[in-house]
Protein backbone atom coordinates (compact mmCIF):
# COMPACT_ATOMS: atom_id res chain seq x y z
CA MET A 1 -130.04 196.66 -0.17
CA GLN A 2 -127.39 193.92 0.21
CA LEU A 3 -126.41 193.01 -3.35
CA ASP A 4 -124.17 190.21 -2.04
CA GLN A 5 -127.19 188.44 -0.57
CA LEU A 6 -129.07 188.60 -3.88
CA LEU A 7 -126.03 187.24 -5.71
CA GLU A 8 -125.80 184.29 -3.34
CA LEU A 9 -129.47 183.44 -3.71
CA ILE A 10 -129.24 183.62 -7.50
CA THR A 11 -126.16 181.38 -7.53
CA THR A 12 -127.85 178.79 -5.32
CA PHE A 13 -130.91 178.96 -7.52
CA PHE A 14 -129.05 178.18 -10.74
CA TYR A 15 -127.13 175.34 -9.10
CA SER A 16 -130.43 173.92 -7.87
CA ILE A 17 -131.92 173.99 -11.36
CA SER A 18 -128.95 172.03 -12.67
CA GLN A 19 -129.88 169.24 -10.24
CA LEU A 20 -133.53 168.95 -11.28
CA PHE A 21 -133.26 166.04 -13.66
CA LEU A 22 -130.96 164.02 -11.38
CA ILE A 23 -133.27 164.48 -8.40
CA GLY A 24 -136.37 163.63 -10.41
CA LYS A 25 -134.74 160.39 -11.48
CA SER A 26 -133.40 159.40 -8.05
CA ASN A 27 -136.74 160.02 -6.35
CA ASN A 28 -138.43 157.36 -8.42
CA VAL A 29 -136.75 154.52 -6.55
CA GLY A 30 -137.14 153.12 -3.06
CA PHE A 31 -139.98 152.06 -0.78
CA ASP A 32 -142.77 154.59 -0.47
CA HIS A 33 -144.34 155.59 2.87
CA SER A 34 -147.21 157.77 1.74
CA PRO A 35 -149.92 158.30 4.35
CA THR A 36 -152.27 161.21 3.93
CA PRO A 37 -150.57 164.28 5.42
CA LYS A 38 -152.11 165.47 8.67
CA LEU A 39 -153.19 168.95 9.67
CA ILE A 40 -151.10 170.45 12.46
CA ASP A 41 -152.19 171.97 15.75
CA SER A 42 -153.61 175.49 15.37
CA ASP A 43 -151.19 176.92 17.96
CA ILE A 44 -148.21 175.41 16.16
CA TYR A 45 -149.54 176.83 12.91
CA SER A 46 -149.72 180.29 14.46
CA ASN A 47 -146.24 180.01 15.98
CA LEU A 48 -144.70 179.16 12.60
CA PHE A 49 -145.33 182.76 11.52
CA THR A 50 -143.46 183.95 14.62
CA TYR A 51 -140.57 181.54 13.99
CA ALA A 52 -140.30 182.79 10.40
CA HIS A 53 -140.18 186.40 11.60
CA LEU A 54 -137.39 185.58 14.04
CA ILE A 55 -135.47 183.86 11.24
CA ASP A 56 -135.99 186.77 8.87
CA ILE A 57 -134.48 189.21 11.37
CA SER A 58 -131.11 187.46 10.99
CA TYR A 59 -131.01 188.73 7.40
CA CYS A 60 -130.85 192.30 8.73
CA ILE A 61 -127.30 191.67 9.97
CA SER A 62 -124.55 192.65 7.56
CA SER A 63 -121.04 194.06 7.61
CA ILE A 64 -122.44 197.61 7.79
CA SER A 65 -125.70 197.23 9.72
CA GLY A 66 -127.46 195.05 12.24
CA ILE A 67 -129.95 194.82 15.07
CA LYS A 68 -129.95 197.74 17.48
CA GLU A 69 -130.38 197.30 21.22
CA PRO A 70 -132.58 196.44 22.91
CA PHE A 71 -134.15 194.79 19.81
CA GLU A 72 -134.69 197.16 16.90
CA CYS A 73 -134.44 196.42 13.18
CA ASP A 74 -136.05 197.15 9.81
CA LEU A 75 -138.53 194.29 10.30
CA ALA A 76 -140.54 195.90 13.12
CA CYS A 77 -138.54 194.10 15.81
CA GLU A 78 -139.37 196.61 18.54
CA SER A 79 -143.15 196.58 17.89
CA ARG A 80 -143.59 192.87 17.18
CA PHE A 81 -141.21 191.73 19.93
CA PRO A 82 -141.26 194.56 22.52
CA ASN A 83 -139.99 192.35 25.36
CA VAL A 84 -137.15 190.63 23.49
CA THR A 85 -133.57 191.65 24.32
CA LEU A 86 -130.61 191.26 21.99
CA VAL A 87 -127.72 189.41 23.62
CA TYR A 88 -125.27 189.00 20.76
CA GLN A 89 -125.09 189.22 16.97
CA TRP A 90 -122.39 188.28 14.50
CA TYR A 91 -121.65 188.51 10.80
CA TYR A 92 -119.20 186.55 8.64
CA ASP A 93 -118.75 186.72 4.88
CA ASP A 94 -117.55 183.12 4.88
CA SER A 95 -119.70 181.48 7.54
CA VAL A 96 -123.08 181.52 9.24
CA THR A 97 -124.54 184.82 10.45
CA GLY A 98 -127.07 185.22 13.25
CA TYR A 99 -128.03 186.50 16.66
CA ILE A 100 -128.89 185.42 20.21
CA ALA A 101 -131.79 187.07 22.04
CA THR A 102 -133.81 186.36 25.18
CA THR A 103 -137.30 187.06 26.45
CA TYR A 104 -139.47 186.33 29.48
CA SER A 105 -142.65 187.04 27.51
CA ASN A 106 -144.97 184.25 26.51
CA ILE A 107 -144.60 184.97 22.78
CA PHE A 108 -145.51 181.40 21.77
CA ASN A 109 -148.74 181.25 23.79
CA TYR A 110 -147.71 178.44 26.08
CA ASN A 111 -150.10 177.60 28.91
CA ASP A 112 -147.50 177.38 31.67
CA THR A 113 -148.42 179.36 34.77
CA ASN A 114 -145.03 180.99 35.25
CA SER A 115 -145.29 182.89 31.96
CA ALA A 116 -148.23 184.85 33.34
CA GLY A 117 -146.26 186.24 36.26
CA GLY A 118 -146.66 185.65 39.98
CA SER A 119 -144.10 184.96 42.64
CA GLU A 120 -142.30 182.22 40.73
CA LYS A 121 -139.55 182.99 38.27
CA LYS A 122 -140.78 183.50 34.73
CA LYS A 123 -139.81 181.17 31.95
CA LYS A 124 -136.80 182.34 29.95
CA THR A 125 -136.78 181.76 26.20
CA ILE A 126 -133.33 181.84 24.61
CA ILE A 127 -133.50 182.41 20.85
CA VAL A 128 -130.71 181.53 18.44
CA SER A 129 -131.46 182.56 14.85
CA LEU A 130 -129.21 181.61 11.93
CA ARG A 131 -128.96 182.18 8.22
CA GLY A 132 -126.41 181.11 5.65
CA THR A 133 -123.59 182.98 4.00
CA ARG A 134 -124.17 185.86 1.64
CA SER A 135 -120.96 185.32 -0.28
CA ILE A 136 -121.35 184.21 -3.89
CA PHE A 137 -117.91 182.61 -3.64
CA ASP A 138 -119.07 180.27 -0.88
CA SER A 139 -122.12 178.93 -2.69
CA TYR A 140 -120.30 175.89 -4.04
CA THR A 141 -118.93 175.10 -0.57
CA ASP A 142 -122.46 175.20 0.77
CA ILE A 143 -123.90 172.65 -1.63
CA LYS A 144 -121.16 170.24 -2.75
CA VAL A 145 -121.67 166.63 -1.68
CA ASP A 146 -118.54 165.78 0.35
CA MET A 147 -119.29 164.05 3.67
CA THR A 148 -117.37 163.67 6.91
CA SER A 149 -117.81 161.32 9.86
CA TYR A 150 -120.11 162.55 12.61
CA SER A 151 -119.59 161.69 16.27
CA ASN A 152 -121.74 163.16 19.02
CA LEU A 153 -120.68 163.81 22.63
CA ASN A 154 -122.52 160.70 23.87
CA ILE A 155 -123.32 162.33 27.25
CA HIS A 156 -127.12 162.46 27.35
CA LEU A 157 -127.78 160.99 23.91
CA PRO A 158 -126.97 157.52 22.59
CA LYS A 159 -123.99 157.31 20.27
CA CYS A 160 -124.84 158.05 16.66
CA GLY A 161 -122.67 155.16 15.49
CA THR A 162 -119.53 154.62 13.46
CA HIS A 163 -121.31 154.95 10.11
CA CYS A 164 -122.94 158.36 10.69
CA LYS A 165 -121.85 160.97 8.16
CA VAL A 166 -122.80 164.60 7.55
CA HIS A 167 -122.14 167.25 4.92
CA GLN A 168 -118.54 168.47 5.30
CA GLY A 169 -119.30 172.14 4.61
CA PHE A 170 -122.26 172.34 6.97
CA TYR A 171 -120.28 170.59 9.70
CA ASP A 172 -117.39 173.05 9.33
CA TYR A 173 -119.80 175.99 9.58
CA TYR A 174 -121.37 174.42 12.67
CA LEU A 175 -117.99 174.10 14.39
CA HIS A 176 -117.13 177.69 13.50
CA THR A 177 -120.47 178.92 14.83
CA LEU A 178 -120.24 176.90 18.04
CA LEU A 179 -116.75 178.24 18.73
CA ASN A 180 -118.04 181.77 18.26
CA ILE A 181 -121.15 181.62 20.46
CA HIS A 182 -120.78 178.80 22.98
CA ARG A 183 -119.53 180.93 25.91
CA ILE A 184 -122.38 183.41 25.49
CA LEU A 185 -125.04 180.77 24.95
CA ASP A 186 -123.78 178.59 27.81
CA LYS A 187 -124.02 181.56 30.19
CA GLU A 188 -127.60 182.29 29.15
CA LEU A 189 -128.56 178.65 29.70
CA VAL A 190 -126.90 178.46 33.13
CA ASP A 191 -128.57 181.70 34.23
CA ALA A 192 -131.94 180.30 33.11
CA SER A 193 -131.74 177.46 35.63
CA GLU A 194 -134.60 174.94 35.19
CA ASP A 195 -137.24 177.24 33.72
CA TYR A 196 -136.23 177.84 30.12
CA GLU A 197 -136.69 176.98 26.47
CA LEU A 198 -133.79 176.93 24.04
CA LEU A 199 -135.20 177.83 20.62
CA ILE A 200 -132.89 177.45 17.62
CA VAL A 201 -134.22 178.56 14.24
CA GLY A 202 -132.64 178.80 10.81
CA HIS A 203 -133.27 179.17 7.08
CA SER A 204 -131.49 177.41 4.22
CA MET A 205 -127.91 176.52 5.19
CA GLY A 206 -128.53 178.25 8.51
CA GLY A 207 -131.14 175.56 9.15
CA SER A 208 -128.55 172.82 8.70
CA VAL A 209 -126.24 174.49 11.21
CA ALA A 210 -129.20 175.08 13.55
CA LEU A 211 -129.89 171.34 13.62
CA LEU A 212 -126.27 170.47 14.42
CA LEU A 213 -126.19 173.08 17.19
CA ALA A 214 -129.43 171.71 18.65
CA LEU A 215 -127.99 168.18 18.73
CA HIS A 216 -124.92 169.46 20.59
CA TYR A 217 -126.97 171.18 23.31
CA LEU A 218 -129.44 168.32 23.59
CA ASP A 219 -126.51 165.99 24.18
CA LEU A 220 -125.31 168.34 26.95
CA GLY A 221 -128.66 167.79 28.67
CA PHE A 222 -130.61 170.89 27.64
CA ASP A 223 -133.71 168.97 26.67
CA LYS A 224 -136.21 171.85 26.85
CA LEU A 225 -135.30 172.53 23.27
CA THR A 226 -137.06 173.28 20.00
CA VAL A 227 -135.37 173.55 16.60
CA ILE A 228 -137.25 174.99 13.63
CA THR A 229 -135.67 174.95 10.18
CA MET A 230 -137.12 176.33 6.95
CA GLY A 231 -135.78 175.48 3.51
CA GLN A 232 -133.06 173.36 5.10
CA PRO A 233 -130.91 171.27 2.73
CA LEU A 234 -130.17 167.63 3.41
CA VAL A 235 -127.52 167.14 6.09
CA GLY A 236 -126.38 163.53 6.31
CA ASN A 237 -126.68 159.87 5.42
CA LYS A 238 -129.40 157.45 6.43
CA GLU A 239 -127.64 156.39 9.64
CA PHE A 240 -127.34 160.00 10.79
CA VAL A 241 -130.91 160.83 9.78
CA ASN A 242 -132.37 157.82 11.59
CA TRP A 243 -130.48 158.78 14.74
CA VAL A 244 -131.65 162.39 14.55
CA ASP A 245 -135.27 161.33 14.07
CA LEU A 246 -134.95 159.06 17.12
CA VAL A 247 -133.36 161.54 19.55
CA MET A 248 -135.48 164.48 18.34
CA GLY A 249 -138.76 162.59 18.65
CA SER A 250 -139.67 162.92 14.98
CA TYR A 251 -142.08 160.01 15.25
CA ASN A 252 -144.17 161.76 17.90
CA PRO A 253 -147.09 163.91 16.76
CA PRO A 254 -146.40 167.66 16.87
CA ILE A 255 -148.05 168.93 20.05
CA HIS A 256 -148.13 172.52 21.22
CA ASN A 257 -146.49 173.25 24.58
CA SER A 258 -144.58 169.97 24.52
CA PHE A 259 -140.97 168.92 23.95
CA SER A 260 -141.85 165.37 22.85
CA ARG A 261 -141.10 166.39 19.27
CA LYS A 262 -138.22 168.83 19.30
CA TYR A 263 -137.48 169.20 15.60
CA PHE A 264 -139.72 170.76 12.96
CA ARG A 265 -138.30 170.77 9.43
CA VAL A 266 -140.54 173.07 7.39
CA VAL A 267 -140.39 172.54 3.62
CA HIS A 268 -142.17 174.62 0.98
CA LYS A 269 -143.68 172.98 -2.07
CA ASP A 270 -141.17 173.07 -4.97
CA ASP A 271 -138.28 174.17 -2.73
CA ILE A 272 -135.53 172.25 -4.48
CA VAL A 273 -132.95 173.32 -1.90
CA ALA A 274 -134.72 170.99 0.56
CA THR A 275 -133.76 168.05 -1.69
CA ILE A 276 -130.06 168.76 -2.19
CA PRO A 277 -127.16 167.93 -2.00
CA ASN A 278 -127.80 165.18 -4.50
CA SER A 279 -126.25 161.82 -3.61
CA ASP A 280 -122.93 161.02 -5.25
CA GLY A 281 -123.01 157.35 -6.15
CA LEU A 282 -122.64 154.94 -3.23
CA LEU A 283 -120.18 156.96 -1.15
CA ASN A 284 -122.30 159.98 -0.27
CA GLN A 285 -125.95 158.97 0.06
CA TYR A 286 -128.02 161.80 1.53
CA SER A 287 -131.38 161.04 3.10
CA GLN A 288 -134.58 162.94 3.95
CA PHE A 289 -135.63 163.15 7.60
CA ASP A 290 -138.91 161.53 8.63
CA ASN A 291 -139.88 164.94 9.85
CA GLN A 292 -141.47 167.28 7.37
CA ILE A 293 -143.96 170.08 7.85
CA TYR A 294 -144.99 170.71 4.26
CA LEU A 295 -146.35 173.98 2.88
CA ASN A 296 -148.66 172.77 0.14
CA CYS A 297 -149.10 176.09 -1.62
CA SER A 298 -147.69 178.07 -4.52
CA SER A 299 -144.56 180.17 -4.33
CA SER A 300 -146.71 183.29 -4.50
CA THR A 301 -148.40 182.42 -1.19
CA SER A 302 -146.64 183.96 1.78
CA MET A 303 -149.56 183.31 4.15
CA PRO A 304 -150.62 179.67 3.72
CA SER A 305 -153.94 178.65 5.24
CA PRO A 306 -154.08 176.04 8.06
CA LYS A 307 -155.17 173.43 5.50
CA GLN A 308 -152.00 174.08 3.50
CA VAL A 309 -149.60 173.40 6.39
CA VAL A 310 -149.41 169.65 6.99
CA ASP A 311 -147.34 167.01 8.77
CA CYS A 312 -146.08 164.50 6.17
CA VAL A 313 -145.06 161.86 8.79
CA PHE A 314 -142.42 160.35 6.46
CA GLY A 315 -139.68 162.09 4.51
CA ASP A 316 -140.32 160.03 1.39
CA ASN A 317 -144.07 160.65 1.40
CA SER A 318 -144.96 161.00 -2.28
CA LYS A 319 -147.71 163.47 -1.40
CA CYS A 320 -145.12 165.98 -0.16
CA ILE A 321 -141.74 167.31 -1.38
CA LYS A 322 -140.84 164.00 -3.02
CA ARG A 323 -143.78 164.39 -5.40
CA ASP A 324 -142.61 167.82 -6.53
CA PHE A 325 -139.52 166.45 -8.29
CA GLN A 326 -140.72 163.16 -9.75
CA GLY A 327 -140.44 162.98 -13.51
CA ILE A 328 -139.17 166.53 -13.89
CA ARG A 329 -139.40 167.82 -17.46
CA LEU A 330 -138.23 171.07 -19.01
CA ILE A 331 -141.81 172.33 -19.26
CA ASP A 332 -142.25 171.68 -15.51
CA TYR A 333 -139.17 173.78 -14.78
CA MET A 334 -140.46 176.64 -16.92
CA SER A 335 -143.80 176.75 -15.08
CA LYS A 336 -142.42 176.97 -11.54
CA ASP A 337 -140.66 179.66 -9.53
CA TYR A 338 -138.06 177.65 -7.60
CA PHE A 339 -136.17 180.74 -6.52
CA ARG A 340 -139.20 182.19 -4.75
CA SER A 341 -140.25 178.84 -3.27
CA HIS A 342 -137.00 178.73 -1.31
CA ASN A 343 -137.52 182.17 0.17
CA THR A 344 -141.25 182.09 0.92
CA TYR A 345 -141.88 180.71 4.38
CA PHE A 346 -144.82 182.52 5.99
CA ARG A 347 -143.27 185.73 4.63
CA ARG A 348 -140.65 186.71 2.04
CA LEU A 349 -137.40 185.81 3.76
CA GLY A 350 -134.05 187.43 3.23
CA MET A 351 -134.70 191.02 2.17
CA CYS A 352 -134.88 192.74 5.58
CA GLY A 353 -137.74 195.03 4.67
CA MET A 354 -136.81 195.63 1.03
CA LYS A 355 -139.91 195.48 -1.16
CA ILE A 356 -139.81 192.95 -3.97
CA LYS A 357 -142.63 192.45 -6.47
């Protein structure tokens, strides 16, 4: 299935390996915030498996196949999500691919009364799921270091500031995606009235675009919002990252059934993609978010235990992803499976049902 997808993943993998020594060196400098990582809420832990499944479904969309209505795919969509309805799906060789779906089912086990039924209108969950390109020719565009200025709408959020910068390629993909889906997504949000959740999820480069989309809709005033990214690369400079952490509530503890912390950046141990692009001198300095749910397990573990899924509190916590690339040596590279680490988030992502040993 989908040879182009495998080619893209392999290309990204080899680029990532070429960055190992640079990242190991750069991570040895700077002030260290290294509290002991905290266990996360059991309901959030359980929901992460559901989020990963919703992300994985986006990999079933290609130029020749996709999700069938109402919500059928090769990843047991109809049995796992029987009350989810496909709204829209799209595929681009040279941009982000994904889908929009809705449900009135309480698939995340929230304790709101409306989800259980009754005379009041049920809560509507609007799901946007994104993944990156499959094109081998776009891999360099995805991961090169060029930055561009970032300016938010400044309607419901404070202004990011004149020094905020983001990755040029990710920003271009975000604009392309927004242009493609905004009329459909806006209609679903308006129809939802006050009782809704906007859930935006994404893997790899799709996670970077998911974050930028979430910031756009949060600025429009849709604050009942959750964004979950897995294996997301770095997106912007320190000014941008600090602003995102502020408006997304990254400094609040992750609490189930709450929008106080809207952004969950899930990072697997040894996932080098979560540490790139590498900074380019003084002009393009990328920064980690102070928002990291860390999977402290091997690349062979697709079902981490609750003790292996922790909140790192700070992005530069040396007990989390930062530790994985300190003092990298050739023997360290040979002993780790970086390719699999990037595609193992509560399941094997990206194959749409294809069995891989």
